[in-house]
Protein backbone atom coordinates (compact mmCIF):
# COMPACT_ATOMS: atom_id res chain seq x y z
CA MET A 1 -94.12 24.95 51.66
CA THR A 2 -92.08 22.84 53.94
CA ALA A 3 -88.87 24.01 55.64
CA GLU A 4 -86.79 21.53 53.64
CA ALA A 5 -88.10 22.82 50.37
CA ALA A 6 -87.35 26.39 51.42
CA ALA A 7 -83.71 25.45 52.35
CA ALA A 8 -82.88 23.86 48.97
CA PRO A 9 -82.35 27.17 47.08
CA ARG A 10 -80.04 28.38 49.81
CA ARG A 11 -77.92 25.27 49.53
CA ARG A 12 -77.66 25.67 45.76
CA ARG A 13 -76.61 29.32 46.10
CA ARG A 14 -74.01 28.34 48.70
CA ALA A 15 -72.59 25.62 46.40
CA ALA A 16 -72.39 28.09 43.53
CA TRP A 17 -70.49 30.56 45.70
CA ILE A 18 -68.07 27.83 46.71
CA VAL A 19 -67.43 26.85 43.06
CA ALA A 20 -66.86 30.47 42.09
CA VAL A 21 -64.43 31.02 44.95
CA LEU A 22 -62.50 27.86 44.02
CA ALA A 23 -62.34 28.93 40.37
CA VAL A 24 -60.99 32.34 41.29
CA ALA A 25 -58.42 30.74 43.56
CA ALA A 26 -57.30 28.38 40.78
CA VAL A 27 -56.93 31.21 38.32
CA ALA A 28 -54.95 33.19 40.86
CA ALA A 29 -52.70 30.22 41.59
CA GLY A 30 -52.10 29.57 37.88
CA THR A 31 -51.29 33.22 37.33
CA TRP A 32 -48.94 33.18 40.26
CA LEU A 33 -47.22 30.03 38.99
CA TYR A 34 -46.98 31.47 35.50
CA LEU A 35 -45.32 34.58 36.80
CA GLN A 36 -42.79 32.61 38.83
CA PRO A 37 -39.37 32.16 37.05
CA VAL A 38 -38.21 28.63 36.08
CA GLU A 39 -34.91 27.56 37.62
CA VAL A 40 -32.54 26.50 34.82
CA ARG A 41 -28.94 25.40 34.97
CA ALA A 42 -26.63 27.79 33.16
CA VAL A 43 -22.92 28.12 32.31
CA ARG A 44 -20.60 30.89 31.23
CA ALA A 45 -18.17 30.55 28.37
CA THR A 46 -14.74 29.55 29.65
CA SER A 47 -11.35 30.24 28.18
CA GLN A 48 -9.30 27.03 27.90
CA PRO A 49 -7.23 24.96 25.44
CA LEU A 50 -9.42 23.03 22.99
CA VAL A 51 -8.34 19.87 21.24
CA ARG A 52 -10.37 17.83 18.79
CA THR A 53 -9.21 14.28 18.15
CA LEU A 54 -10.29 11.40 15.96
CA GLN A 55 -9.97 7.84 17.20
CA PHE A 56 -9.84 4.66 15.11
CA SER A 57 -8.18 1.28 14.88
CA ALA A 58 -5.26 0.54 12.53
CA ARG A 59 -2.93 -2.29 11.60
CA VAL A 60 0.82 -2.43 11.12
CA GLN A 61 1.78 -3.00 7.53
CA ALA A 62 5.20 -3.28 5.83
CA PRO A 63 5.76 -1.28 2.59
CA ALA A 64 5.31 -4.48 0.55
CA ARG A 65 4.87 -8.23 0.86
CA VAL A 66 6.55 -10.66 -1.47
CA ASP A 67 5.59 -14.30 -2.04
CA VAL A 68 8.67 -16.41 -2.76
CA GLY A 69 8.13 -19.60 -4.80
CA ALA A 70 10.08 -22.01 -7.00
CA THR A 71 10.32 -21.54 -10.77
CA LEU A 72 10.87 -25.24 -11.38
CA THR A 73 9.56 -28.54 -10.05
CA GLY A 74 11.77 -30.28 -7.53
CA ARG A 75 12.19 -31.76 -4.04
CA VAL A 76 13.10 -29.52 -1.14
CA GLU A 77 16.46 -30.44 0.33
CA ARG A 78 16.45 -27.90 3.19
CA VAL A 79 14.71 -24.82 4.46
CA GLN A 80 17.19 -22.30 5.91
CA VAL A 81 14.83 -19.78 7.61
CA ARG A 82 11.99 -19.72 10.12
CA GLU A 83 9.09 -17.33 10.61
CA GLY A 84 10.26 -14.11 12.19
CA ASP A 85 13.82 -14.36 10.81
CA THR A 86 15.35 -11.23 9.31
CA VAL A 87 17.10 -11.91 6.03
CA ALA A 88 19.48 -9.91 3.84
CA ALA A 89 19.24 -9.41 0.09
CA GLY A 90 20.44 -12.54 -1.72
CA GLN A 91 20.44 -14.73 1.37
CA PRO A 92 19.52 -18.41 0.62
CA LEU A 93 16.02 -19.33 1.89
CA VAL A 94 15.14 -22.71 0.43
CA GLN A 95 17.39 -25.24 -1.30
CA LEU A 96 16.05 -27.79 -3.80
CA GLU A 97 17.83 -31.01 -4.79
CA THR A 98 20.39 -30.31 -7.55
CA ASP A 99 21.86 -33.66 -8.70
CA GLU A 100 20.04 -33.72 -12.01
CA LEU A 101 20.61 -30.00 -12.57
CA ARG A 102 24.37 -30.31 -11.91
CA ALA A 103 24.54 -33.17 -14.40
CA ALA A 104 22.82 -30.98 -16.99
CA VAL A 105 25.40 -28.25 -16.34
CA ALA A 106 28.27 -30.75 -16.80
CA GLN A 107 26.74 -31.98 -20.05
CA ALA A 108 26.36 -28.41 -21.32
CA GLN A 109 29.99 -27.64 -20.36
CA ALA A 110 31.15 -30.69 -22.34
CA ALA A 111 29.11 -29.61 -25.39
CA LEU A 112 30.59 -26.14 -25.17
CA ALA A 113 34.14 -27.51 -24.96
CA GLN A 114 33.45 -29.65 -28.05
CA ALA A 115 32.13 -26.71 -30.00
CA GLN A 116 35.10 -24.54 -29.00
CA ALA A 117 37.51 -27.31 -30.07
CA ARG A 118 35.80 -27.58 -33.43
CA LEU A 119 36.08 -23.83 -33.98
CA ALA A 120 39.74 -23.92 -32.95
CA ALA A 121 40.41 -26.81 -35.38
CA GLN A 122 38.58 -24.92 -38.05
CA ARG A 123 40.98 -22.01 -37.67
CA ALA A 124 44.15 -24.04 -37.04
CA VAL A 125 43.78 -26.89 -39.56
CA ALA A 126 40.90 -26.50 -42.03
CA ARG A 127 41.80 -22.95 -43.06
CA PRO A 128 45.51 -23.66 -43.86
CA SER A 129 44.52 -26.88 -45.66
CA ALA A 130 42.01 -25.04 -47.80
CA ASP A 131 44.55 -22.33 -48.60
CA ALA A 132 47.09 -25.01 -49.61
CA THR A 133 44.51 -26.79 -51.80
CA LEU A 134 43.71 -23.45 -53.49
CA ALA A 135 47.41 -22.80 -54.17
CA GLN A 136 47.87 -26.26 -55.58
CA ALA A 137 44.81 -25.87 -57.79
CA GLU A 138 46.02 -22.55 -59.10
CA ALA A 139 49.44 -24.05 -59.85
CA THR A 140 47.86 -27.01 -61.67
CA LEU A 141 45.74 -24.62 -63.73
CA ALA A 142 48.72 -22.50 -64.65
CA SER A 143 50.74 -25.60 -65.74
CA ALA A 144 47.81 -26.86 -67.84
CA GLU A 145 47.41 -23.47 -69.54
CA ARG A 146 51.13 -23.37 -70.35
CA GLU A 147 50.97 -26.85 -71.76
CA LEU A 148 47.95 -25.96 -73.87
CA ALA A 149 49.71 -22.84 -75.25
CA ARG A 150 52.84 -24.79 -76.15
CA HIS A 151 50.85 -27.45 -78.02
CA ARG A 152 48.89 -24.84 -79.95
CA ASP A 153 52.19 -23.64 -81.38
CA LEU A 154 53.17 -27.23 -82.26
CA VAL A 155 49.82 -27.83 -83.95
CA GLU A 156 50.20 -24.71 -86.05
CA ARG A 157 53.69 -25.93 -87.10
CA GLY A 158 52.32 -29.42 -87.85
CA PHE A 159 54.26 -31.33 -85.29
CA VAL A 160 51.24 -32.43 -83.20
CA SER A 161 47.77 -33.50 -84.28
CA ALA A 162 44.68 -31.46 -83.42
CA ALA A 163 43.27 -34.30 -81.32
CA ARG A 164 46.04 -33.80 -78.77
CA LEU A 165 45.03 -30.14 -78.49
CA ASP A 166 41.49 -31.15 -77.45
CA ASP A 167 42.86 -33.34 -74.63
CA LEU A 168 44.94 -30.48 -73.34
CA GLN A 169 41.96 -28.08 -73.46
CA ARG A 170 39.90 -30.52 -71.35
CA ALA A 171 42.76 -30.69 -68.83
CA VAL A 172 42.77 -26.89 -68.56
CA ASP A 173 39.00 -26.81 -68.02
CA VAL A 174 39.26 -29.48 -65.28
CA ALA A 175 42.09 -27.58 -63.62
CA ARG A 176 40.08 -24.34 -63.74
CA ALA A 177 37.04 -26.03 -62.14
CA GLN A 178 39.20 -27.45 -59.40
CA ARG A 179 40.74 -24.03 -58.84
CA ASP A 180 37.24 -22.45 -58.53
CA ALA A 181 36.18 -25.14 -56.04
CA ALA A 182 39.30 -24.60 -54.00
CA ARG A 183 38.55 -20.86 -53.92
CA VAL A 184 35.06 -21.48 -52.59
CA GLN A 185 36.40 -23.83 -49.95
CA ALA A 186 39.09 -21.36 -48.89
CA ALA A 187 36.53 -18.55 -48.71
CA ALA A 188 34.33 -20.73 -46.45
CA GLN A 189 37.23 -21.27 -44.11
CA ARG A 190 37.97 -17.55 -43.60
CA ASP A 191 36.76 -15.69 -40.45
CA ASP A 192 33.73 -14.41 -42.31
CA GLY A 193 33.16 -17.68 -44.14
CA THR A 194 30.22 -20.03 -43.83
CA GLU A 195 32.15 -22.94 -42.26
CA THR A 196 33.66 -20.69 -39.61
CA ALA A 197 30.29 -19.01 -38.98
CA ALA A 198 28.68 -22.45 -38.54
CA ALA A 199 31.31 -23.51 -36.04
CA ALA A 200 31.01 -20.19 -34.16
CA ALA A 201 27.22 -20.58 -34.11
CA GLN A 202 27.51 -24.06 -32.70
CA ARG A 203 29.89 -22.71 -30.04
CA ASP A 204 27.44 -19.91 -29.16
CA ALA A 205 24.52 -22.34 -28.94
CA ALA A 206 26.54 -24.55 -26.60
CA ALA A 207 27.40 -21.50 -24.49
CA ALA A 208 23.73 -20.47 -24.32
CA ALA A 209 22.76 -24.02 -23.33
CA LEU A 210 25.34 -23.86 -20.57
CA GLN A 211 23.97 -20.55 -19.32
CA ALA A 212 20.46 -21.99 -19.32
CA ALA A 213 21.60 -25.05 -17.36
CA GLN A 214 23.47 -22.84 -14.86
CA ALA A 215 20.43 -20.59 -14.52
CA ARG A 216 18.22 -23.60 -13.74
CA LEU A 217 20.80 -24.73 -11.18
CA ALA A 218 20.77 -21.26 -9.63
CA GLN A 219 16.93 -21.37 -9.51
CA ALA A 220 17.19 -24.36 -7.25
CA THR A 221 18.33 -22.00 -4.51
CA LEU A 222 15.57 -19.57 -3.51
CA ARG A 223 17.04 -16.28 -2.30
CA ALA A 224 15.69 -13.18 -0.62
CA PRO A 225 15.02 -10.47 -3.23
CA ALA A 226 15.70 -7.65 -0.70
CA PRO A 227 16.18 -7.14 3.06
CA ALA A 228 13.02 -8.52 4.63
CA THR A 229 11.38 -10.44 7.47
CA VAL A 230 9.91 -13.91 7.05
CA ILE A 231 6.26 -13.78 8.09
CA VAL A 232 4.92 -17.01 6.54
CA ARG A 233 6.76 -20.33 6.01
CA ALA A 234 4.72 -22.88 4.04
CA VAL A 235 7.40 -25.40 3.04
CA GLU A 236 9.30 -28.23 4.67
CA PRO A 237 12.26 -30.45 3.68
CA GLY A 238 11.28 -33.39 1.44
CA GLN A 239 8.29 -31.60 -0.02
CA ILE A 240 7.73 -31.62 -3.77
CA VAL A 241 7.22 -28.05 -5.00
CA GLN A 242 5.97 -26.71 -8.30
CA PRO A 243 6.06 -23.30 -9.97
CA GLY A 244 3.27 -20.92 -8.97
CA ARG A 245 2.99 -21.89 -5.33
CA ALA A 246 4.13 -19.51 -2.60
CA LEU A 247 6.57 -21.18 -0.21
CA LEU A 248 7.50 -18.15 1.91
CA THR A 249 5.96 -14.73 2.41
CA LEU A 250 8.38 -11.85 3.13
CA ALA A 251 7.67 -8.38 4.49
CA LEU A 252 10.21 -6.17 2.78
CA ALA A 253 12.23 -3.91 5.05
CA GLY A 254 11.34 -0.23 4.90
CA PRO A 255 9.34 2.46 6.68
CA THR A 256 6.64 0.89 8.83
CA GLU A 257 3.12 2.15 8.08
CA LEU A 258 -0.07 2.16 10.09
CA VAL A 259 -3.08 1.52 7.82
CA ALA A 260 -6.65 2.27 8.89
CA LEU A 261 -10.09 2.51 7.33
CA VAL A 262 -11.86 5.63 8.65
CA ASP A 263 -15.55 6.43 8.21
CA GLU A 264 -15.91 8.81 5.30
CA ARG A 265 -17.97 11.18 7.47
CA PHE A 266 -14.72 12.22 9.16
CA LEU A 267 -12.73 12.78 5.94
CA GLY A 268 -13.08 16.54 6.24
CA GLN A 269 -11.25 16.51 9.58
CA LEU A 270 -8.19 14.65 8.32
CA ALA A 271 -5.17 16.17 6.59
CA VAL A 272 -1.65 15.04 5.74
CA GLY A 273 0.83 16.05 8.38
CA GLN A 274 -1.49 15.85 11.39
CA ARG A 275 0.17 14.47 14.51
CA ALA A 276 -1.17 11.38 16.16
CA GLN A 277 -0.51 9.01 19.01
CA ALA A 278 -0.76 5.24 18.68
CA LEU A 279 -0.58 2.26 21.00
CA ALA A 280 -0.65 -1.47 20.51
CA ASP A 281 -3.39 -3.29 22.33
CA ALA A 282 -0.76 -5.74 23.49
CA PHE A 283 1.43 -2.92 24.91
CA PRO A 284 -1.01 -0.31 26.25
CA GLU A 285 1.64 1.19 28.54
CA ARG A 286 3.93 2.12 25.57
CA PRO A 287 2.20 4.65 23.28
CA PHE A 288 4.26 6.25 20.49
CA ASP A 289 3.92 9.29 18.22
CA ALA A 290 2.91 9.07 14.58
CA ARG A 291 2.03 11.31 11.63
CA VAL A 292 -0.62 11.17 8.93
CA GLU A 293 1.25 10.48 5.63
CA ARG A 294 -1.39 9.75 3.01
CA LEU A 295 -5.16 9.78 2.44
CA ALA A 296 -6.51 7.51 -0.27
CA PRO A 297 -7.83 9.42 -3.27
CA GLY A 298 -11.01 7.37 -3.35
CA VAL A 299 -13.57 6.02 -0.92
CA ASP A 300 -14.38 2.34 -0.47
CA ALA A 301 -17.98 2.29 -1.68
CA GLN A 302 -18.88 -0.98 0.09
CA ARG A 303 -17.50 0.05 3.48
CA GLY A 304 -18.11 3.79 3.21
CA ALA A 305 -14.58 4.35 4.46
CA VAL A 306 -11.36 6.01 3.31
CA GLU A 307 -7.91 4.48 3.79
CA VAL A 308 -5.53 6.47 6.00
CA ARG A 309 -1.82 5.73 6.20
CA LEU A 310 0.34 6.95 9.10
CA SER A 311 4.04 6.50 9.90
CA PRO A 312 5.71 6.47 13.32
CA THR A 313 7.68 9.56 14.22
CA GLY A 314 11.30 8.54 14.46
CA ASP A 315 12.27 4.87 14.82
CA PRO A 316 9.24 2.58 15.19
CA PRO A 317 9.02 0.63 18.47
CA ALA A 318 10.76 -2.74 18.37
CA PHE A 319 7.60 -4.55 19.51
CA LEU A 320 5.66 -3.74 16.33
CA ARG A 321 4.73 -6.80 14.29
CA GLU A 322 3.15 -7.23 10.86
CA ASP A 323 -0.70 -7.01 11.09
CA MET A 324 -0.61 -5.99 14.76
CA THR A 325 -3.71 -4.12 15.87
CA LEU A 326 -3.18 -0.55 17.00
CA SER A 327 -5.39 2.19 18.43
CA VAL A 328 -4.74 5.62 16.95
CA GLU A 329 -5.78 9.10 18.09
CA VAL A 330 -5.23 11.86 15.55
CA VAL A 331 -5.29 15.52 16.56
CA THR A 332 -7.56 17.06 13.89
CA GLY A 333 -7.99 20.51 15.42
CA GLU A 334 -6.30 22.46 18.21
CA ARG A 335 -6.58 25.86 19.89
CA ALA A 336 -4.09 27.02 22.46
CA ARG A 337 -6.82 29.27 23.97
CA ALA A 338 -10.49 29.34 23.07
CA ARG A 339 -13.82 30.51 24.51
CA VAL A 340 -15.69 27.28 24.95
CA LEU A 341 -19.29 26.24 25.65
CA PRO A 342 -20.73 22.77 26.17
CA LEU A 343 -22.24 21.49 22.96
CA ALA A 344 -25.43 20.67 24.91
CA ALA A 345 -26.18 24.37 25.15
CA LEU A 346 -26.77 24.75 21.38
CA ARG A 347 -30.36 24.91 20.20
CA ASP A 348 -29.56 23.55 16.72
CA HIS A 349 -26.78 20.97 16.60
CA ASP A 350 -26.73 21.00 12.79
CA GLY A 351 -26.60 24.76 12.38
CA GLY A 352 -24.94 25.24 15.73
CA ALA A 353 -25.63 28.96 15.76
CA THR A 354 -28.19 29.68 18.50
CA VAL A 355 -28.24 29.49 22.32
CA LEU A 356 -30.56 30.78 25.06
CA VAL A 357 -29.11 33.48 27.32
CA ALA A 358 -30.69 34.75 30.58
CA ASN A 359 -31.44 38.42 30.05
CA ALA A 360 -33.50 40.48 32.55
CA GLY A 361 -35.03 37.30 33.97
CA ARG A 362 -36.12 35.87 30.64
CA ALA A 363 -34.71 33.41 28.13
CA GLU A 364 -33.38 35.24 25.09
CA ALA A 365 -32.21 33.59 21.85
CA ARG A 366 -28.68 34.64 20.84
CA THR A 367 -27.02 33.94 17.48
CA LEU A 368 -23.36 32.94 17.65
CA ARG A 369 -20.49 32.45 15.23
CA LEU A 370 -18.81 29.15 16.07
CA GLY A 371 -15.36 27.74 15.40
CA LEU A 372 -13.78 24.39 16.29
CA ARG A 373 -16.26 21.78 17.53
CA THR A 374 -15.76 18.48 19.34
CA LEU A 375 -18.39 15.99 20.37
CA ASP A 376 -19.01 17.78 23.66
CA GLN A 377 -17.64 21.31 23.32
CA VAL A 378 -17.70 24.15 20.82
CA GLU A 379 -15.57 27.25 20.29
CA VAL A 380 -17.43 30.59 20.37
CA LEU A 381 -15.97 33.27 18.07
CA GLU A 382 -18.63 35.97 18.22
CA GLY A 383 -22.01 36.74 19.80
CA LEU A 384 -21.42 36.04 23.50
CA GLY A 385 -20.14 38.16 26.36
CA ASP A 386 -17.97 37.00 29.21
CA ASP A 387 -20.79 37.52 31.73
CA ASP A 388 -23.60 36.02 29.67
CA ALA A 389 -25.28 33.06 31.39
CA VAL A 390 -26.01 30.44 28.74
CA LEU A 391 -29.00 28.24 29.64
CA LEU A 392 -28.56 24.47 29.43
CA ALA A 393 -32.18 24.04 28.33
CA PRO A 394 -32.17 24.48 24.53
CA SER A 395 -35.80 23.31 24.22
CA LEU A 396 -37.08 26.13 26.47
CA ALA A 397 -39.20 28.70 24.65
CA PRO A 398 -37.63 32.14 24.23
CA GLY A 399 -39.26 34.70 26.51
CA THR A 400 -39.83 32.28 29.39
CA ARG A 401 -39.09 33.76 32.81
CA VAL A 402 -36.01 31.98 34.14
CA ARG A 403 -33.87 31.97 37.18
CA PRO A 404 -30.38 30.75 36.07
CA ARG A 405 -28.42 28.47 38.41
CA LEU A 406 -24.78 28.66 37.36
CA VAL A 407 -22.81 25.42 37.24
CA ASP A 408 -19.23 24.89 36.16
CA ALA A 409 -18.50 23.60 32.67
CA ALA A 410 -17.06 20.30 33.92
CA THR A 411 -20.31 19.47 35.70
CA ALA A 412 -22.27 20.31 32.55
CA LEU A 413 -20.05 18.01 30.45
CA ARG A 414 -20.33 15.14 32.92
CA SER A 415 -24.09 15.43 32.96
CA ALA A 416 -24.38 15.53 29.16
CA PRO A 417 -25.54 12.10 27.87
CA GLY A 418 -22.83 10.25 26.02
CA ALA A 419 -20.37 13.15 26.30
CA THR A 420 -16.84 12.45 25.13
CA SER A 421 -13.86 14.51 24.12
CA ALA A 422 -12.98 12.74 20.88
CA ASP A 423 -14.73 11.41 17.79
CA ASN A 424 -14.59 7.62 17.51
CA ALA A 425 -14.19 6.83 13.83
CA GLY A 426 -13.07 3.22 14.16
CA GLY A 427 -12.19 0.93 17.07
CA ALA A 428 -12.33 1.61 20.78
CA MET A 429 -9.40 3.44 22.38
CA SER A 430 -7.58 2.42 25.50
CA SER A 431 -7.88 4.62 28.57
CA ALA A 432 -4.08 4.81 28.61
CA PHE A 433 -4.12 7.71 26.14
CA GLY A 434 -2.99 10.97 27.78
CA ARG A 435 -4.41 14.26 26.72
């Protein structure tokens, strides 16, 4: 056997020993590393004011808008207002040409005067004439009846023939018929008679025609229905207008409202009476206070949003304009003093009930009872002591050896991804809002 062949087993045994030593060293190193605590950032619950706000965009809206249009066809003579003008109730806005309408009024006035004259003549002339005719007819009948009675006596005594009696009877019948006709005519001329009623009806019809003509003349002047502000002017002098077309749009005077559509997910945070702060994008240096007045009873199914109406506290700022865009921040929850943790410390953001606490060098799960919650902080009601170090590593397994490194809450909030202090339920807010 050669020397090289004899040395081969020794080399193999040496290599095996080296592998075994390395394996033991690796196991020892792994065990040592396993037993070493993991450094984890931690915070303690702090006592501080806690405010939860909801931010969204809104628009200025008057209580009501009114479209003003003509009720008859005509040519515009003049327009007496411009956009932005404030008008009083009854103030003229647009004047149509009135020559034809004034002529119609004059014609109706003449017809009324004629009807009134006829009624007056009916009472002053026709009635006395009918009464006189009736009296004359009654007298004629009485005379004919007396003449008939006298001749009957003469016939019986043989002084007059019977033929003469027949003539006198016919005269009485004619006189009686004339008397009856005169009675009918006199009755017709009384205040409750047909002739007087016809004349009065003609007068009333003429008066109604005059009122209609005057009403049409009045319609030629378009007036403000109530105190308002002109926001749209869509008419010019010389223009031919027709019924049904809006010539002016008015925003009626009244309490100014701020109207917003807020994501329905935040409906549970909103309530009537909550205070808010608003600012116009055009005037970011002039925020003003507002108040939630109404929440719509239903949700817009297409947008998944609920309508919220707010009103300014006190007199609204003078710079507000119809349809102006505003940014609104509503205080939906507030604590004067609360024990607060960063929301990033929670293990379950949906349940929001468990955190990891450093206890005797190990991570220990702790169940909490929570209160008010914002997007980056949460109020702790029960389950946490003042000295407990809450680990900012919610994915760490309970029981892991840890070495907590305390940081202040502000640092933890700044390092949290996307951390903010208010829910954004609509448009972006200006940085001018003060907390």
